[in-house]
Amino acid sequence: MSGLFETSVEVDRPVEEVFAYLADGRHDPEFSPRVLEIAKTPDGPTAVGTVFRSTVKDAGMKTSRQFRITGLEAPHTVRWSEESKNLITAEGGYDLEALPDGRTRVRIFNTLEGHGLGKVLAGPALHAARKDAPAFGRRIKAAIEGA
């Protein structure tokens, strides 16, 4: 089973600042409490091919995750794909739109896909992600505006 969840939020920062913040996945723990730690390879600016490795806690279980940046078009698009072999994997991104008065609309989306036993778990995980999506957007907004 697979499915999409998404949300949009308006951030009171210019699109270039929002892009720079979100393109550096090391900020993820600032708005995603499930991310316990994260590292980036290689050092330097994020580019297509950059890999972020993290430890996350979902449903009480710690797992290792590895995401590769698959698309990056400053200052409007960030795309990633999970390379780790977990029961549920994600592929997604951010779409950024400049708004009047130096604000930015951020669309956040992920497609979750279950593998093996994860096909059974994907439905409840997707339901939880969709339920949390608006709060997730608010956490991203607060993190960027507080940066």
N, C-alpha and C. Protein backbone atom coordinates (compact mmCIF):
# COMPACT_ATOMS: atom_id res chain seq x y z
N MET A 1 0.84 -1.19 0.00
CA MET A 1 0.00 0.00 0.00
C MET A 1 0.88 1.24 0.00
N SER A 2 0.43 2.26 -0.70
CA SER A 2 1.10 3.56 -0.67
C SER A 2 0.04 4.65 -0.69
N GLY A 3 0.44 5.83 -0.27
CA GLY A 3 -0.48 6.95 -0.27
C GLY A 3 0.23 8.25 0.04
N LEU A 4 -0.42 9.34 -0.34
CA LEU A 4 0.13 10.68 -0.23
C LEU A 4 -0.47 11.42 0.96
N PHE A 5 0.37 12.18 1.67
CA PHE A 5 -0.14 13.18 2.60
C PHE A 5 0.56 14.48 2.28
N GLU A 6 -0.15 15.58 2.51
CA GLU A 6 0.41 16.90 2.21
C GLU A 6 -0.27 17.97 3.03
N THR A 7 0.38 19.10 3.11
CA THR A 7 -0.17 20.28 3.75
C THR A 7 0.55 21.50 3.18
N SER A 8 -0.02 22.66 3.37
CA SER A 8 0.60 23.92 2.97
C SER A 8 0.55 24.88 4.14
N VAL A 9 1.55 25.76 4.18
CA VAL A 9 1.63 26.75 5.24
C VAL A 9 2.28 28.00 4.66
N GLU A 10 1.89 29.16 5.20
CA GLU A 10 2.53 30.41 4.79
C GLU A 10 3.51 30.83 5.87
N VAL A 11 4.74 31.14 5.43
CA VAL A 11 5.83 31.49 6.33
C VAL A 11 6.18 32.96 6.14
N ASP A 12 6.37 33.66 7.22
CA ASP A 12 6.70 35.08 7.17
C ASP A 12 8.20 35.30 6.98
N ARG A 13 8.72 34.74 5.88
CA ARG A 13 10.12 34.89 5.48
C ARG A 13 10.19 34.84 3.96
N PRO A 14 11.18 35.49 3.35
CA PRO A 14 11.33 35.45 1.89
C PRO A 14 11.64 34.03 1.40
N VAL A 15 11.24 33.75 0.18
CA VAL A 15 11.38 32.41 -0.39
C VAL A 15 12.83 31.92 -0.37
N GLU A 16 13.79 32.80 -0.58
CA GLU A 16 15.20 32.39 -0.58
C GLU A 16 15.63 31.88 0.81
N GLU A 17 15.17 32.54 1.86
CA GLU A 17 15.49 32.10 3.23
C GLU A 17 14.83 30.77 3.55
N VAL A 18 13.58 30.63 3.13
CA VAL A 18 12.84 29.39 3.39
C VAL A 18 13.49 28.24 2.65
N PHE A 19 13.86 28.46 1.40
CA PHE A 19 14.52 27.42 0.61
C PHE A 19 15.83 26.99 1.28
N ALA A 20 16.66 27.95 1.67
CA ALA A 20 17.95 27.63 2.29
C ALA A 20 17.76 26.81 3.55
N TYR A 21 16.77 27.16 4.36
CA TYR A 21 16.49 26.44 5.60
C TYR A 21 16.04 25.02 5.30
N LEU A 22 15.06 24.86 4.43
CA LEU A 22 14.49 23.53 4.17
C LEU A 22 15.42 22.63 3.36
N ALA A 23 16.26 23.20 2.51
CA ALA A 23 17.18 22.39 1.72
C ALA A 23 18.26 21.75 2.59
N ASP A 24 18.49 22.30 3.75
CA ASP A 24 19.46 21.72 4.68
C ASP A 24 18.70 20.83 5.66
N GLY A 25 18.61 19.56 5.33
CA GLY A 25 17.85 18.60 6.13
C GLY A 25 18.31 18.48 7.57
N ARG A 26 19.46 19.04 7.90
CA ARG A 26 19.91 19.00 9.30
C ARG A 26 19.01 19.81 10.21
N HIS A 27 18.11 20.61 9.62
CA HIS A 27 17.14 21.36 10.43
C HIS A 27 15.93 20.50 10.82
N ASP A 28 15.78 19.33 10.22
CA ASP A 28 14.59 18.51 10.46
C ASP A 28 14.25 18.29 11.94
N PRO A 29 15.21 18.04 12.84
CA PRO A 29 14.85 17.85 14.25
C PRO A 29 14.20 19.07 14.89
N GLU A 30 14.37 20.25 14.28
CA GLU A 30 13.78 21.47 14.83
C GLU A 30 12.27 21.51 14.66
N PHE A 31 11.73 20.73 13.72
CA PHE A 31 10.28 20.73 13.51
C PHE A 31 9.68 19.33 13.46
N SER A 32 10.51 18.30 13.47
CA SER A 32 10.02 16.93 13.45
C SER A 32 10.54 16.19 14.67
N PRO A 33 9.73 16.07 15.71
CA PRO A 33 10.20 15.44 16.95
C PRO A 33 10.59 13.97 16.78
N ARG A 34 10.17 13.34 15.70
CA ARG A 34 10.54 11.95 15.47
C ARG A 34 11.99 11.80 15.04
N VAL A 35 12.61 12.87 14.54
CA VAL A 35 14.01 12.82 14.10
C VAL A 35 14.90 13.06 15.32
N LEU A 36 15.63 12.03 15.72
CA LEU A 36 16.48 12.11 16.91
C LEU A 36 17.86 12.66 16.58
N GLU A 37 18.39 12.31 15.42
CA GLU A 37 19.68 12.84 14.97
C GLU A 37 19.74 12.74 13.45
N ILE A 38 20.59 13.59 12.85
CA ILE A 38 20.70 13.60 11.39
C ILE A 38 22.08 14.12 10.99
N ALA A 39 22.61 13.56 9.92
CA ALA A 39 23.91 13.97 9.40
C ALA A 39 23.82 14.08 7.89
N LYS A 40 24.72 14.89 7.32
CA LYS A 40 24.70 15.17 5.88
C LYS A 40 26.03 14.75 5.24
N THR A 41 25.94 14.16 4.05
CA THR A 41 27.12 13.78 3.27
C THR A 41 26.90 14.18 1.82
N PRO A 42 27.83 14.82 1.16
CA PRO A 42 29.08 15.35 1.70
C PRO A 42 28.85 16.69 2.38
N ASP A 43 29.91 17.22 3.00
CA ASP A 43 29.84 18.58 3.56
C ASP A 43 29.64 19.56 2.41
N GLY A 44 29.24 20.77 2.75
CA GLY A 44 29.04 21.80 1.74
C GLY A 44 27.57 22.01 1.46
N PRO A 45 27.27 22.82 0.46
CA PRO A 45 25.88 23.11 0.13
C PRO A 45 25.13 21.86 -0.32
N THR A 46 23.86 21.81 0.00
CA THR A 46 23.01 20.71 -0.46
C THR A 46 22.89 20.79 -1.98
N ALA A 47 22.98 19.63 -2.62
CA ALA A 47 22.88 19.52 -4.07
C ALA A 47 22.19 18.21 -4.41
N VAL A 48 21.80 18.04 -5.66
CA VAL A 48 21.27 16.74 -6.08
C VAL A 48 22.35 15.70 -5.78
N GLY A 49 21.96 14.64 -5.11
CA GLY A 49 22.89 13.59 -4.71
C GLY A 49 23.30 13.66 -3.25
N THR A 50 23.08 14.81 -2.58
CA THR A 50 23.38 14.91 -1.15
C THR A 50 22.55 13.87 -0.41
N VAL A 51 23.16 13.24 0.61
CA VAL A 51 22.49 12.22 1.40
C VAL A 51 22.37 12.70 2.84
N PHE A 52 21.18 12.51 3.41
CA PHE A 52 20.93 12.78 4.82
C PHE A 52 20.63 11.44 5.48
N ARG A 53 21.41 11.10 6.53
CA ARG A 53 21.20 9.87 7.31
C ARG A 53 20.67 10.28 8.67
N SER A 54 19.60 9.62 9.10
CA SER A 54 18.99 9.99 10.37
C SER A 54 18.61 8.77 11.18
N THR A 55 18.41 9.01 12.47
CA THR A 55 17.79 8.05 13.36
C THR A 55 16.46 8.66 13.76
N VAL A 56 15.38 7.92 13.57
CA VAL A 56 14.05 8.41 13.89
C VAL A 56 13.36 7.43 14.83
N LYS A 57 12.35 7.95 15.52
CA LYS A 57 11.56 7.11 16.41
C LYS A 57 10.10 7.21 15.97
N ASP A 58 9.58 6.09 15.49
CA ASP A 58 8.18 6.00 15.07
C ASP A 58 7.51 4.87 15.84
N ALA A 59 6.36 5.16 16.40
CA ALA A 59 5.59 4.14 17.13
C ALA A 59 6.47 3.41 18.14
N GLY A 60 7.35 4.15 18.81
CA GLY A 60 8.19 3.58 19.84
C GLY A 60 9.41 2.81 19.34
N MET A 61 9.60 2.73 18.02
CA MET A 61 10.72 1.98 17.46
C MET A 61 11.71 2.94 16.80
N LYS A 62 13.01 2.74 17.08
CA LYS A 62 14.05 3.53 16.42
C LYS A 62 14.45 2.83 15.13
N THR A 63 14.58 3.61 14.06
CA THR A 63 15.06 3.09 12.79
C THR A 63 16.06 4.07 12.19
N SER A 64 16.88 3.55 11.31
CA SER A 64 17.82 4.38 10.56
C SER A 64 17.21 4.69 9.21
N ARG A 65 17.35 5.92 8.77
CA ARG A 65 16.80 6.36 7.49
C ARG A 65 17.90 7.01 6.66
N GLN A 66 17.81 6.83 5.37
CA GLN A 66 18.74 7.49 4.45
C GLN A 66 17.94 8.06 3.29
N PHE A 67 18.05 9.38 3.13
CA PHE A 67 17.36 10.09 2.05
C PHE A 67 18.38 10.74 1.13
N ARG A 68 18.11 10.68 -0.17
CA ARG A 68 18.96 11.32 -1.16
C ARG A 68 18.17 12.46 -1.81
N ILE A 69 18.81 13.61 -1.96
CA ILE A 69 18.19 14.72 -2.68
C ILE A 69 18.17 14.36 -4.16
N THR A 70 16.97 14.34 -4.74
CA THR A 70 16.82 13.95 -6.15
C THR A 70 16.47 15.13 -7.05
N GLY A 71 16.07 16.24 -6.45
CA GLY A 71 15.74 17.44 -7.21
C GLY A 71 15.93 18.67 -6.36
N LEU A 72 16.52 19.69 -6.94
CA LEU A 72 16.79 20.91 -6.20
C LEU A 72 16.86 22.05 -7.20
N GLU A 73 15.86 22.94 -7.14
CA GLU A 73 15.81 24.10 -8.01
C GLU A 73 15.55 25.32 -7.15
N ALA A 74 16.64 26.03 -6.81
CA ALA A 74 16.52 27.20 -5.94
C ALA A 74 15.74 28.30 -6.66
N PRO A 75 14.88 28.99 -5.97
CA PRO A 75 14.47 28.79 -4.58
C PRO A 75 13.08 28.16 -4.47
N HIS A 76 12.73 27.25 -5.38
CA HIS A 76 11.34 26.79 -5.40
C HIS A 76 11.09 25.31 -5.17
N THR A 77 12.08 24.44 -5.34
CA THR A 77 11.80 23.00 -5.33
C THR A 77 12.88 22.22 -4.59
N VAL A 78 12.44 21.33 -3.70
CA VAL A 78 13.31 20.35 -3.05
C VAL A 78 12.61 19.01 -3.17
N ARG A 79 13.34 17.98 -3.63
CA ARG A 79 12.78 16.63 -3.74
C ARG A 79 13.75 15.64 -3.12
N TRP A 80 13.21 14.60 -2.49
CA TRP A 80 14.04 13.56 -1.90
C TRP A 80 13.39 12.20 -2.10
N SER A 81 14.23 11.18 -1.95
CA SER A 81 13.77 9.80 -2.05
C SER A 81 14.50 9.00 -0.99
N GLU A 82 13.76 8.17 -0.27
CA GLU A 82 14.37 7.34 0.76
C GLU A 82 15.05 6.14 0.13
N GLU A 83 16.27 5.90 0.55
CA GLU A 83 17.05 4.77 0.05
C GLU A 83 17.13 3.63 1.05
N SER A 84 16.77 3.89 2.31
CA SER A 84 16.86 2.85 3.32
C SER A 84 15.82 1.77 3.08
N LYS A 85 16.07 0.62 3.63
CA LYS A 85 15.17 -0.53 3.46
C LYS A 85 14.38 -0.73 4.75
N ASN A 86 13.37 0.09 4.95
CA ASN A 86 12.51 0.00 6.12
C ASN A 86 11.14 -0.53 5.70
N LEU A 87 10.31 -0.87 6.69
CA LEU A 87 8.97 -1.39 6.39
C LEU A 87 8.14 -0.36 5.65
N ILE A 88 8.33 0.91 5.99
CA ILE A 88 7.62 2.00 5.31
C ILE A 88 8.68 3.03 4.88
N THR A 89 8.67 3.41 3.62
CA THR A 89 9.60 4.41 3.11
C THR A 89 8.82 5.60 2.56
N ALA A 90 9.54 6.70 2.39
CA ALA A 90 8.91 7.95 1.95
C ALA A 90 9.67 8.56 0.78
N GLU A 91 8.91 9.23 -0.05
CA GLU A 91 9.46 10.05 -1.13
C GLU A 91 8.64 11.32 -1.13
N GLY A 92 9.29 12.47 -1.24
CA GLY A 92 8.50 13.69 -1.17
C GLY A 92 9.29 14.93 -1.48
N GLY A 93 8.80 16.05 -0.93
CA GLY A 93 9.47 17.30 -1.20
C GLY A 93 8.75 18.51 -0.67
N TYR A 94 9.30 19.65 -1.06
CA TYR A 94 8.75 20.97 -0.75
C TYR A 94 8.60 21.73 -2.06
N ASP A 95 7.48 22.42 -2.21
CA ASP A 95 7.29 23.39 -3.28
C ASP A 95 7.12 24.74 -2.61
N LEU A 96 7.90 25.73 -3.04
CA LEU A 96 7.89 27.05 -2.43
C LEU A 96 7.42 28.08 -3.43
N GLU A 97 6.55 28.98 -2.96
CA GLU A 97 6.01 30.04 -3.81
C GLU A 97 6.16 31.37 -3.09
N ALA A 98 6.81 32.33 -3.74
CA ALA A 98 6.96 33.66 -3.17
C ALA A 98 5.59 34.34 -3.14
N LEU A 99 5.28 34.97 -2.02
CA LEU A 99 4.02 35.71 -1.85
C LEU A 99 4.34 37.18 -1.60
N PRO A 100 3.34 38.04 -1.70
CA PRO A 100 3.58 39.47 -1.43
C PRO A 100 4.12 39.69 -0.01
N ASP A 101 4.76 40.80 0.18
CA ASP A 101 5.27 41.22 1.49
C ASP A 101 6.35 40.29 2.04
N GLY A 102 7.10 39.61 1.16
CA GLY A 102 8.22 38.80 1.60
C GLY A 102 7.86 37.50 2.28
N ARG A 103 6.64 37.02 2.06
CA ARG A 103 6.20 35.76 2.65
C ARG A 103 6.37 34.64 1.62
N THR A 104 6.26 33.39 2.11
CA THR A 104 6.42 32.23 1.25
C THR A 104 5.36 31.18 1.57
N ARG A 105 4.73 30.65 0.53
CA ARG A 105 3.83 29.50 0.71
C ARG A 105 4.67 28.24 0.53
N VAL A 106 4.58 27.32 1.49
CA VAL A 106 5.32 26.06 1.45
C VAL A 106 4.31 24.91 1.36
N ARG A 107 4.45 24.11 0.32
CA ARG A 107 3.69 22.87 0.21
C ARG A 107 4.63 21.74 0.57
N ILE A 108 4.24 20.94 1.55
CA ILE A 108 5.01 19.80 2.02
C ILE A 108 4.25 18.55 1.63
N PHE A 109 4.93 17.58 1.04
CA PHE A 109 4.22 16.34 0.69
C PHE A 109 5.17 15.15 0.78
N ASN A 110 4.58 14.01 1.07
CA ASN A 110 5.29 12.74 1.12
C ASN A 110 4.37 11.64 0.64
N THR A 111 4.92 10.71 -0.10
CA THR A 111 4.22 9.48 -0.44
C THR A 111 4.85 8.38 0.39
N LEU A 112 4.05 7.72 1.21
CA LEU A 112 4.52 6.61 2.02
C LEU A 112 4.23 5.32 1.29
N GLU A 113 5.18 4.38 1.34
CA GLU A 113 4.99 3.09 0.69
C GLU A 113 5.41 1.98 1.64
N GLY A 114 4.52 0.99 1.80
CA GLY A 114 4.81 -0.15 2.65
C GLY A 114 5.51 -1.25 1.89
N HIS A 115 6.40 -1.95 2.59
CA HIS A 115 7.14 -3.07 2.01
C HIS A 115 7.01 -4.26 2.95
N GLY A 116 6.70 -5.44 2.42
CA GLY A 116 6.53 -6.61 3.27
C GLY A 116 5.44 -6.36 4.30
N LEU A 117 5.74 -6.60 5.58
CA LEU A 117 4.79 -6.34 6.66
C LEU A 117 4.37 -4.87 6.68
N GLY A 118 5.23 -4.01 6.17
CA GLY A 118 4.92 -2.58 6.12
C GLY A 118 3.70 -2.26 5.29
N LYS A 119 3.31 -3.16 4.39
CA LYS A 119 2.09 -2.94 3.61
C LYS A 119 0.87 -2.90 4.52
N VAL A 120 0.91 -3.67 5.61
CA VAL A 120 -0.18 -3.67 6.59
C VAL A 120 -0.09 -2.41 7.46
N LEU A 121 1.12 -2.00 7.79
CA LEU A 121 1.33 -0.85 8.68
C LEU A 121 1.18 0.49 7.97
N ALA A 122 1.29 0.50 6.65
CA ALA A 122 1.26 1.76 5.90
C ALA A 122 -0.06 2.50 6.06
N GLY A 123 -1.17 1.77 6.09
CA GLY A 123 -2.47 2.43 6.25
C GLY A 123 -2.56 3.24 7.53
N PRO A 124 -2.30 2.63 8.70
CA PRO A 124 -2.31 3.41 9.93
C PRO A 124 -1.26 4.53 9.96
N ALA A 125 -0.08 4.27 9.39
CA ALA A 125 0.96 5.31 9.35
C ALA A 125 0.51 6.49 8.50
N LEU A 126 -0.10 6.21 7.37
CA LEU A 126 -0.59 7.26 6.48
C LEU A 126 -1.71 8.05 7.16
N HIS A 127 -2.61 7.35 7.84
CA HIS A 127 -3.69 8.02 8.57
C HIS A 127 -3.11 8.98 9.61
N ALA A 128 -2.11 8.51 10.38
CA ALA A 128 -1.49 9.35 11.41
C ALA A 128 -0.78 10.54 10.77
N ALA A 129 -0.09 10.32 9.65
CA ALA A 129 0.62 11.42 8.98
C ALA A 129 -0.36 12.46 8.46
N ARG A 130 -1.46 12.00 7.87
CA ARG A 130 -2.46 12.96 7.37
C ARG A 130 -3.08 13.74 8.51
N LYS A 131 -3.33 13.08 9.63
CA LYS A 131 -3.92 13.75 10.79
C LYS A 131 -2.96 14.81 11.35
N ASP A 132 -1.66 14.50 11.34
CA ASP A 132 -0.65 15.41 11.89
C ASP A 132 -0.21 16.48 10.89
N ALA A 133 -0.54 16.34 9.61
CA ALA A 133 -0.02 17.24 8.58
C ALA A 133 -0.21 18.72 8.90
N PRO A 134 -1.40 19.18 9.30
CA PRO A 134 -1.52 20.62 9.60
C PRO A 134 -0.60 21.06 10.74
N ALA A 135 -0.47 20.24 11.79
CA ALA A 135 0.42 20.58 12.90
C ALA A 135 1.88 20.55 12.44
N PHE A 136 2.21 19.61 11.57
CA PHE A 136 3.56 19.54 11.00
C PHE A 136 3.88 20.83 10.26
N GLY A 137 2.93 21.31 9.46
CA GLY A 137 3.11 22.58 8.76
C GLY A 137 3.32 23.74 9.72
N ARG A 138 2.55 23.76 10.81
CA ARG A 138 2.71 24.83 11.81
C ARG A 138 4.08 24.74 12.49
N ARG A 139 4.59 23.52 12.72
CA ARG A 139 5.92 23.37 13.33
C ARG A 139 7.01 23.86 12.38
N ILE A 140 6.84 23.58 11.09
CA ILE A 140 7.81 24.07 10.10
C ILE A 140 7.80 25.60 10.09
N LYS A 141 6.62 26.18 10.05
CA LYS A 141 6.48 27.65 10.06
C LYS A 141 7.18 28.24 11.29
N ALA A 142 6.89 27.69 12.46
CA ALA A 142 7.49 28.22 13.70
C ALA A 142 9.01 28.07 13.69
N ALA A 143 9.51 26.96 13.19
CA ALA A 143 10.96 26.73 13.17
C ALA A 143 11.65 27.72 12.24
N ILE A 144 11.10 27.91 11.04
CA ILE A 144 11.72 28.82 10.08
C ILE A 144 11.65 30.25 10.59
N GLU A 145 10.51 30.66 11.10
CA GLU A 145 10.36 32.03 11.57
C GLU A 145 11.21 32.30 12.81
N GLY A 146 11.53 31.24 13.55
CA GLY A 146 12.37 31.40 14.75
C GLY A 146 13.85 31.28 14.48
N ALA A 147 14.18 30.90 13.22
CA ALA A 147 15.60 30.68 12.89
C ALA A 147 16.36 31.99 12.78
